[in-house]
Amino acid sequence: DTYTASVALSSQSGNCLSLAILTTALANLVN
């Protein structure tokens, strides 16, 4: 499953795209 950043982080699950989304969200926070 592909999850949003928030869901991937809270559920500790998802596919490789979920990890890319989460990584992008965190990177955006700190520019």
PDB file of all heavy atoms in Angstrom:
ATOM      1  N   ASP A   1       0.813  -1.208   0.000  1.00  0.00           N
ATOM      2  CA  ASP A   1       0.000   0.000   0.000  1.00  0.00           C
ATOM      3  C   ASP A   1       0.850   1.263   0.000  1.00  0.00           C
ATOM      4  O   ASP A   1       1.894   1.318   0.628  1.00  0.00           O
ATOM      5  CB  ASP A   1      -0.911   0.025   1.237  1.00  0.00           C
ATOM      6  CG  ASP A   1      -1.835  -1.169   1.291  1.00  0.00           C
ATOM      7  OD1 ASP A   1      -2.403  -1.518   0.239  1.00  0.00           O
ATOM      8  OD2 ASP A   1      -1.980  -1.760   2.375  1.00  0.00           O
ATOM      9  N   THR A   2       0.353   2.277  -0.696  1.00  0.00           N
ATOM     10  CA  THR A   2       0.988   3.591  -0.689  1.00  0.00           C
ATOM     11  C   THR A   2       0.230   4.474   0.292  1.00  0.00           C
ATOM     12  O   THR A   2      -0.987   4.620   0.179  1.00  0.00           O
ATOM     13  CB  THR A   2       0.948   4.233  -2.086  1.00  0.00           C
ATOM     14  OG1 THR A   2       1.595   3.354  -3.015  1.00  0.00           O
ATOM     15  CG2 THR A   2       1.641   5.586  -2.093  1.00  0.00           C
ATOM     16  N   TYR A   3       0.964   5.031   1.253  1.00  0.00           N
ATOM     17  CA  TYR A   3       0.360   5.862   2.287  1.00  0.00           C
ATOM     18  C   TYR A   3       0.888   7.284   2.217  1.00  0.00           C
ATOM     19  O   TYR A   3       1.965   7.538   1.681  1.00  0.00           O
ATOM     20  CB  TYR A   3       0.671   5.303   3.679  1.00  0.00           C
ATOM     21  CG  TYR A   3       0.101   3.935   3.948  1.00  0.00           C
ATOM     22  CD1 TYR A   3       0.910   2.921   4.436  1.00  0.00           C
ATOM     23  CD2 TYR A   3      -1.244   3.651   3.738  1.00  0.00           C
ATOM     24  CE1 TYR A   3       0.395   1.669   4.716  1.00  0.00           C
ATOM     25  CE2 TYR A   3      -1.763   2.399   4.008  1.00  0.00           C
ATOM     26  CZ  TYR A   3      -0.942   1.416   4.498  1.00  0.00           C
ATOM     27  OH  TYR A   3      -1.461   0.182   4.765  1.00  0.00           O
ATOM     28  N   THR A   4       0.138   8.178   2.827  1.00  0.00           N
ATOM     29  CA  THR A   4       0.622   9.550   2.999  1.00  0.00           C
ATOM     30  C   THR A   4       1.780   9.526   3.989  1.00  0.00           C
ATOM     31  O   THR A   4       1.993   8.533   4.700  1.00  0.00           O
ATOM     32  CB  THR A   4      -0.490  10.460   3.548  1.00  0.00           C
ATOM     33  OG1 THR A   4      -0.841  10.006   4.860  1.00  0.00           O
ATOM     34  CG2 THR A   4      -1.702  10.484   2.632  1.00  0.00           C
ATOM     35  N   ALA A   5       2.502  10.629   4.070  1.00  0.00           N
ATOM     36  CA  ALA A   5       3.636  10.713   4.993  1.00  0.00           C
ATOM     37  C   ALA A   5       3.199  10.457   6.424  1.00  0.00           C
ATOM     38  O   ALA A   5       3.838   9.690   7.155  1.00  0.00           O
ATOM     39  CB  ALA A   5       4.300  12.080   4.868  1.00  0.00           C
ATOM     40  N   SER A   6       2.124  11.076   6.832  1.00  0.00           N
ATOM     41  CA  SER A   6       1.647  10.943   8.199  1.00  0.00           C
ATOM     42  C   SER A   6       1.252   9.510   8.538  1.00  0.00           C
ATOM     43  O   SER A   6       1.614   8.983   9.591  1.00  0.00           O
ATOM     44  CB  SER A   6       0.454  11.875   8.424  1.00  0.00           C
ATOM     45  OG  SER A   6      -0.048  11.734   9.726  1.00  0.00           O
ATOM     46  N   VAL A   7       0.531   8.870   7.634  1.00  0.00           N
ATOM     47  CA  VAL A   7       0.091   7.493   7.875  1.00  0.00           C
ATOM     48  C   VAL A   7       1.276   6.536   7.858  1.00  0.00           C
ATOM     49  O   VAL A   7       1.372   5.640   8.699  1.00  0.00           O
ATOM     50  CB  VAL A   7      -0.981   7.069   6.850  1.00  0.00           C
ATOM     51  CG1 VAL A   7      -1.319   5.594   6.962  1.00  0.00           C
ATOM     52  CG2 VAL A   7      -2.242   7.916   7.027  1.00  0.00           C
ATOM     53  N   ALA A   8       2.203   6.715   6.926  1.00  0.00           N
ATOM     54  CA  ALA A   8       3.384   5.849   6.868  1.00  0.00           C
ATOM     55  C   ALA A   8       4.185   5.945   8.159  1.00  0.00           C
ATOM     56  O   ALA A   8       4.647   4.931   8.691  1.00  0.00           O
ATOM     57  CB  ALA A   8       4.257   6.217   5.675  1.00  0.00           C
ATOM     58  N   LEU A   9       4.317   7.163   8.670  1.00  0.00           N
ATOM     59  CA  LEU A   9       5.084   7.357   9.903  1.00  0.00           C
ATOM     60  C   LEU A   9       4.354   6.777  11.108  1.00  0.00           C
ATOM     61  O   LEU A   9       4.957   6.076  11.925  1.00  0.00           O
ATOM     62  CB  LEU A   9       5.376   8.844  10.110  1.00  0.00           C
ATOM     63  CG  LEU A   9       6.279   9.223  11.267  1.00  0.00           C
ATOM     64  CD1 LEU A   9       7.607   8.469  11.223  1.00  0.00           C
ATOM     65  CD2 LEU A   9       6.535  10.720  11.252  1.00  0.00           C
ATOM     66  N   SER A  10       3.072   7.032  11.220  1.00  0.00           N
ATOM     67  CA  SER A  10       2.337   6.555  12.388  1.00  0.00           C
ATOM     68  C   SER A  10       2.111   5.044  12.362  1.00  0.00           C
ATOM     69  O   SER A  10       2.125   4.396  13.404  1.00  0.00           O
ATOM     70  CB  SER A  10       1.004   7.289  12.541  1.00  0.00           C
ATOM     71  OG  SER A  10       0.166   7.020  11.449  1.00  0.00           O
ATOM     72  N   SER A  11       1.928   4.471  11.191  1.00  0.00           N
ATOM     73  CA  SER A  11       1.675   3.032  11.099  1.00  0.00           C
ATOM     74  C   SER A  11       2.952   2.211  10.951  1.00  0.00           C
ATOM     75  O   SER A  11       2.907   0.987  11.047  1.00  0.00           O
ATOM     76  CB  SER A  11       0.748   2.727   9.918  1.00  0.00           C
ATOM     77  OG  SER A  11       1.413   2.970   8.689  1.00  0.00           O
ATOM     78  N   GLN A  12       4.070   2.909  10.690  1.00  0.00           N
ATOM     79  CA  GLN A  12       5.344   2.222  10.464  1.00  0.00           C
ATOM     80  C   GLN A  12       5.214   1.184   9.358  1.00  0.00           C
ATOM     81  O   GLN A  12       5.753   0.087   9.446  1.00  0.00           O
ATOM     82  CB  GLN A  12       5.833   1.563  11.753  1.00  0.00           C
ATOM     83  CG  GLN A  12       6.129   2.516  12.882  1.00  0.00           C
ATOM     84  CD  GLN A  12       7.412   3.282  12.626  1.00  0.00           C
ATOM     85  OE1 GLN A  12       8.465   2.685  12.452  1.00  0.00           O
ATOM     86  NE2 GLN A  12       7.331   4.586  12.578  1.00  0.00           N
ATOM     87  N   SER A  13       4.481   1.576   8.301  1.00  0.00           N
ATOM     88  CA  SER A  13       4.280   0.634   7.208  1.00  0.00           C
ATOM     89  C   SER A  13       4.009   1.375   5.907  1.00  0.00           C
ATOM     90  O   SER A  13       3.755   2.569   5.899  1.00  0.00           O
ATOM     91  CB  SER A  13       3.112  -0.307   7.525  1.00  0.00           C
ATOM     92  OG  SER A  13       1.903   0.413   7.624  1.00  0.00           O
ATOM     93  N   GLY A  14       4.083   0.620   4.828  1.00  0.00           N
ATOM     94  CA  GLY A  14       3.833   1.157   3.507  1.00  0.00           C
ATOM     95  C   GLY A  14       4.794   0.543   2.505  1.00  0.00           C
ATOM     96  O   GLY A  14       5.594  -0.317   2.842  1.00  0.00           O
ATOM     97  N   ASN A  15       4.721   1.018   1.284  1.00  0.00           N
ATOM     98  CA  ASN A  15       5.625   0.514   0.253  1.00  0.00           C
ATOM     99  C   ASN A  15       6.781   1.498   0.039  1.00  0.00           C
ATOM    100  O   ASN A  15       6.923   2.470   0.781  1.00  0.00           O
ATOM    101  CB  ASN A  15       4.853   0.241  -1.046  1.00  0.00           C
ATOM    102  CG  ASN A  15       4.152   1.471  -1.588  1.00  0.00           C
ATOM    103  OD1 ASN A  15       4.448   2.609  -1.211  1.00  0.00           O
ATOM    104  ND2 ASN A  15       3.214   1.256  -2.495  1.00  0.00           N
ATOM    105  N   CYS A  16       7.582   1.250  -0.975  1.00  0.00           N
ATOM    106  CA  CYS A  16       8.744   2.104  -1.211  1.00  0.00           C
ATOM    107  C   CYS A  16       8.322   3.535  -1.555  1.00  0.00           C
ATOM    108  O   CYS A  16       9.012   4.493  -1.186  1.00  0.00           O
ATOM    109  CB  CYS A  16       9.655   1.525  -2.276  1.00  0.00           C
ATOM    110  SG  CYS A  16       8.873   1.267  -3.875  1.00  0.00           S
ATOM    111  N   LEU A  17       7.200   3.712  -2.220  1.00  0.00           N
ATOM    112  CA  LEU A  17       6.724   5.052  -2.526  1.00  0.00           C
ATOM    113  C   LEU A  17       6.318   5.778  -1.240  1.00  0.00           C
ATOM    114  O   LEU A  17       6.544   6.977  -1.098  1.00  0.00           O
ATOM    115  CB  LEU A  17       5.562   5.004  -3.516  1.00  0.00           C
ATOM    116  CG  LEU A  17       5.019   6.343  -3.998  1.00  0.00           C
ATOM    117  CD1 LEU A  17       6.134   7.225  -4.575  1.00  0.00           C
ATOM    118  CD2 LEU A  17       3.922   6.132  -5.025  1.00  0.00           C
ATOM    119  N   SER A  18       5.748   5.050  -0.294  1.00  0.00           N
ATOM    120  CA  SER A  18       5.411   5.638   1.008  1.00  0.00           C
ATOM    121  C   SER A  18       6.661   6.184   1.688  1.00  0.00           C
ATOM    122  O   SER A  18       6.638   7.265   2.281  1.00  0.00           O
ATOM    123  CB  SER A  18       4.755   4.603   1.917  1.00  0.00           C
ATOM    124  OG  SER A  18       3.569   4.105   1.368  1.00  0.00           O
ATOM    125  N   LEU A  19       7.758   5.445   1.611  1.00  0.00           N
ATOM    126  CA  LEU A  19       9.015   5.920   2.200  1.00  0.00           C
ATOM    127  C   LEU A  19       9.533   7.158   1.480  1.00  0.00           C
ATOM    128  O   LEU A  19      10.056   8.073   2.115  1.00  0.00           O
ATOM    129  CB  LEU A  19      10.077   4.822   2.164  1.00  0.00           C
ATOM    130  CG  LEU A  19       9.922   3.717   3.187  1.00  0.00           C
ATOM    131  CD1 LEU A  19      11.007   2.660   2.989  1.00  0.00           C
ATOM    132  CD2 LEU A  19       9.967   4.257   4.593  1.00  0.00           C
ATOM    133  N   ALA A  20       9.381   7.204   0.173  1.00  0.00           N
ATOM    134  CA  ALA A  20       9.804   8.386  -0.587  1.00  0.00           C
ATOM    135  C   ALA A  20       8.954   9.597  -0.203  1.00  0.00           C
ATOM    136  O   ALA A  20       9.473  10.706  -0.059  1.00  0.00           O
ATOM    137  CB  ALA A  20       9.704   8.110  -2.087  1.00  0.00           C
ATOM    138  N   ILE A  21       7.663   9.385  -0.016  1.00  0.00           N
ATOM    139  CA  ILE A  21       6.770  10.465   0.391  1.00  0.00           C
ATOM    140  C   ILE A  21       7.143  10.965   1.776  1.00  0.00           C
ATOM    141  O   ILE A  21       7.235  12.174   2.017  1.00  0.00           O
ATOM    142  CB  ILE A  21       5.296   9.991   0.328  1.00  0.00           C
ATOM    143  CG1 ILE A  21       4.873   9.784  -1.125  1.00  0.00           C
ATOM    144  CG2 ILE A  21       4.371  10.972   1.042  1.00  0.00           C
ATOM    145  CD1 ILE A  21       3.559   9.035  -1.290  1.00  0.00           C
ATOM    146  N   LEU A  22       7.382  10.042   2.701  1.00  0.00           N
ATOM    147  CA  LEU A  22       7.765  10.417   4.064  1.00  0.00           C
ATOM    148  C   LEU A  22       9.099  11.154   4.067  1.00  0.00           C
ATOM    149  O   LEU A  22       9.245  12.189   4.720  1.00  0.00           O
ATOM    150  CB  LEU A  22       7.844   9.177   4.946  1.00  0.00           C
ATOM    151  CG  LEU A  22       8.352   9.393   6.362  1.00  0.00           C
ATOM    152  CD1 LEU A  22       7.538  10.434   7.122  1.00  0.00           C
ATOM    153  CD2 LEU A  22       8.393   8.065   7.113  1.00  0.00           C
ATOM    154  N   THR A  23      10.061  10.659   3.341  1.00  0.00           N
ATOM    155  CA  THR A  23      11.372  11.303   3.270  1.00  0.00           C
ATOM    156  C   THR A  23      11.247  12.717   2.709  1.00  0.00           C
ATOM    157  O   THR A  23      11.853  13.659   3.228  1.00  0.00           O
ATOM    158  CB  THR A  23      12.335  10.471   2.402  1.00  0.00           C
ATOM    159  OG1 THR A  23      12.438   9.164   2.962  1.00  0.00           O
ATOM    160  CG2 THR A  23      13.705  11.116   2.328  1.00  0.00           C
ATOM    161  N   THR A  24      10.440  12.887   1.688  1.00  0.00           N
ATOM    162  CA  THR A  24      10.216  14.206   1.094  1.00  0.00           C
ATOM    163  C   THR A  24       9.576  15.148   2.101  1.00  0.00           C
ATOM    164  O   THR A  24       9.981  16.309   2.225  1.00  0.00           O
ATOM    165  CB  THR A  24       9.346  14.087  -0.167  1.00  0.00           C
ATOM    166  OG1 THR A  24      10.014  13.252  -1.113  1.00  0.00           O
ATOM    167  CG2 THR A  24       9.071  15.451  -0.787  1.00  0.00           C
ATOM    168  N   ALA A  25       8.581  14.664   2.818  1.00  0.00           N
ATOM    169  CA  ALA A  25       7.895  15.502   3.808  1.00  0.00           C
ATOM    170  C   ALA A  25       8.863  15.992   4.880  1.00  0.00           C
ATOM    171  O   ALA A  25       8.854  17.174   5.250  1.00  0.00           O
ATOM    172  CB  ALA A  25       6.750  14.721   4.448  1.00  0.00           C
ATOM    173  N   LEU A  26       9.718  15.104   5.367  1.00  0.00           N
ATOM    174  CA  LEU A  26      10.686  15.492   6.398  1.00  0.00           C
ATOM    175  C   LEU A  26      11.734  16.445   5.833  1.00  0.00           C
ATOM    176  O   LEU A  26      12.099  17.433   6.472  1.00  0.00           O
ATOM    177  CB  LEU A  26      11.347  14.243   6.994  1.00  0.00           C
ATOM    178  CG  LEU A  26      10.415  13.316   7.773  1.00  0.00           C
ATOM    179  CD1 LEU A  26      11.139  12.025   8.142  1.00  0.00           C
ATOM    180  CD2 LEU A  26       9.868  14.003   9.013  1.00  0.00           C
ATOM    181  N   ALA A  27      12.220  16.159   4.647  1.00  0.00           N
ATOM    182  CA  ALA A  27      13.219  17.028   4.018  1.00  0.00           C
ATOM    183  C   ALA A  27      12.658  18.427   3.790  1.00  0.00           C
ATOM    184  O   ALA A  27      13.355  19.428   3.984  1.00  0.00           O
ATOM    185  CB  ALA A  27      13.694  16.421   2.707  1.00  0.00           C
ATOM    186  N   ASN A  28      11.401  18.506   3.404  1.00  0.00           N
ATOM    187  CA  ASN A  28      10.769  19.812   3.183  1.00  0.00           C
ATOM    188  C   ASN A  28      10.700  20.635   4.461  1.00  0.00           C
ATOM    189  O   ASN A  28      10.796  21.866   4.407  1.00  0.00           O
ATOM    190  CB  ASN A  28       9.366  19.630   2.595  1.00  0.00           C
ATOM    191  CG  ASN A  28       9.377  19.181   1.154  1.00  0.00           C
ATOM    192  OD1 ASN A  28      10.394  19.256   0.466  1.00  0.00           O
ATOM    193  ND2 ASN A  28       8.253  18.690   0.691  1.00  0.00           N
ATOM    194  N   LEU A  29      10.534  19.977   5.596  1.00  0.00           N
ATOM    195  CA  LEU A  29      10.459  20.696   6.873  1.00  0.00           C
ATOM    196  C   LEU A  29      11.733  21.479   7.174  1.00  0.00           C
ATOM    197  O   LEU A  29      11.686  22.517   7.821  1.00  0.00           O
ATOM    198  CB  LEU A  29      10.225  19.719   8.030  1.00  0.00           C
ATOM    199  CG  LEU A  29       8.814  19.258   8.277  1.00  0.00           C
ATOM    200  CD1 LEU A  29       8.799  18.245   9.420  1.00  0.00           C
ATOM    201  CD2 LEU A  29       7.904  20.428   8.605  1.00  0.00           C
ATOM    202  N   VAL A  30      12.858  20.956   6.725  1.00  0.00           N
ATOM    203  CA  VAL A  30      14.139  21.585   7.042  1.00  0.00           C
ATOM    204  C   VAL A  30      14.845  22.119   5.795  1.00  0.00           C
ATOM    205  O   VAL A  30      16.043  22.383   5.809  1.00  0.00           O
ATOM    206  CB  VAL A  30      15.056  20.603   7.820  1.00  0.00           C
ATOM    207  CG1 VAL A  30      14.501  20.352   9.216  1.00  0.00           C
ATOM    208  CG2 VAL A  30      15.238  19.292   7.070  1.00  0.00           C
ATOM    209  N   ASN A  31      14.086  22.234   4.717  1.00  0.00           N
ATOM    210  CA  ASN A  31      14.599  22.793   3.464  1.00  0.00           C
ATOM    211  C   ASN A  31      15.816  22.060   2.920  1.00  0.00           C
ATOM    212  O   ASN A  31      16.739  22.691   2.405  1.00  0.00           O
ATOM    213  CB  ASN A  31      14.909  24.286   3.629  1.00  0.00           C
ATOM    214  CG  ASN A  31      13.667  25.083   3.928  1.00  0.00           C
ATOM    215  OD1 ASN A  31      12.630  24.884   3.313  1.00  0.00           O
ATOM    216  ND2 ASN A  31      13.757  25.969   4.904  1.00  0.00           N
TER     217      ASN A  31
END
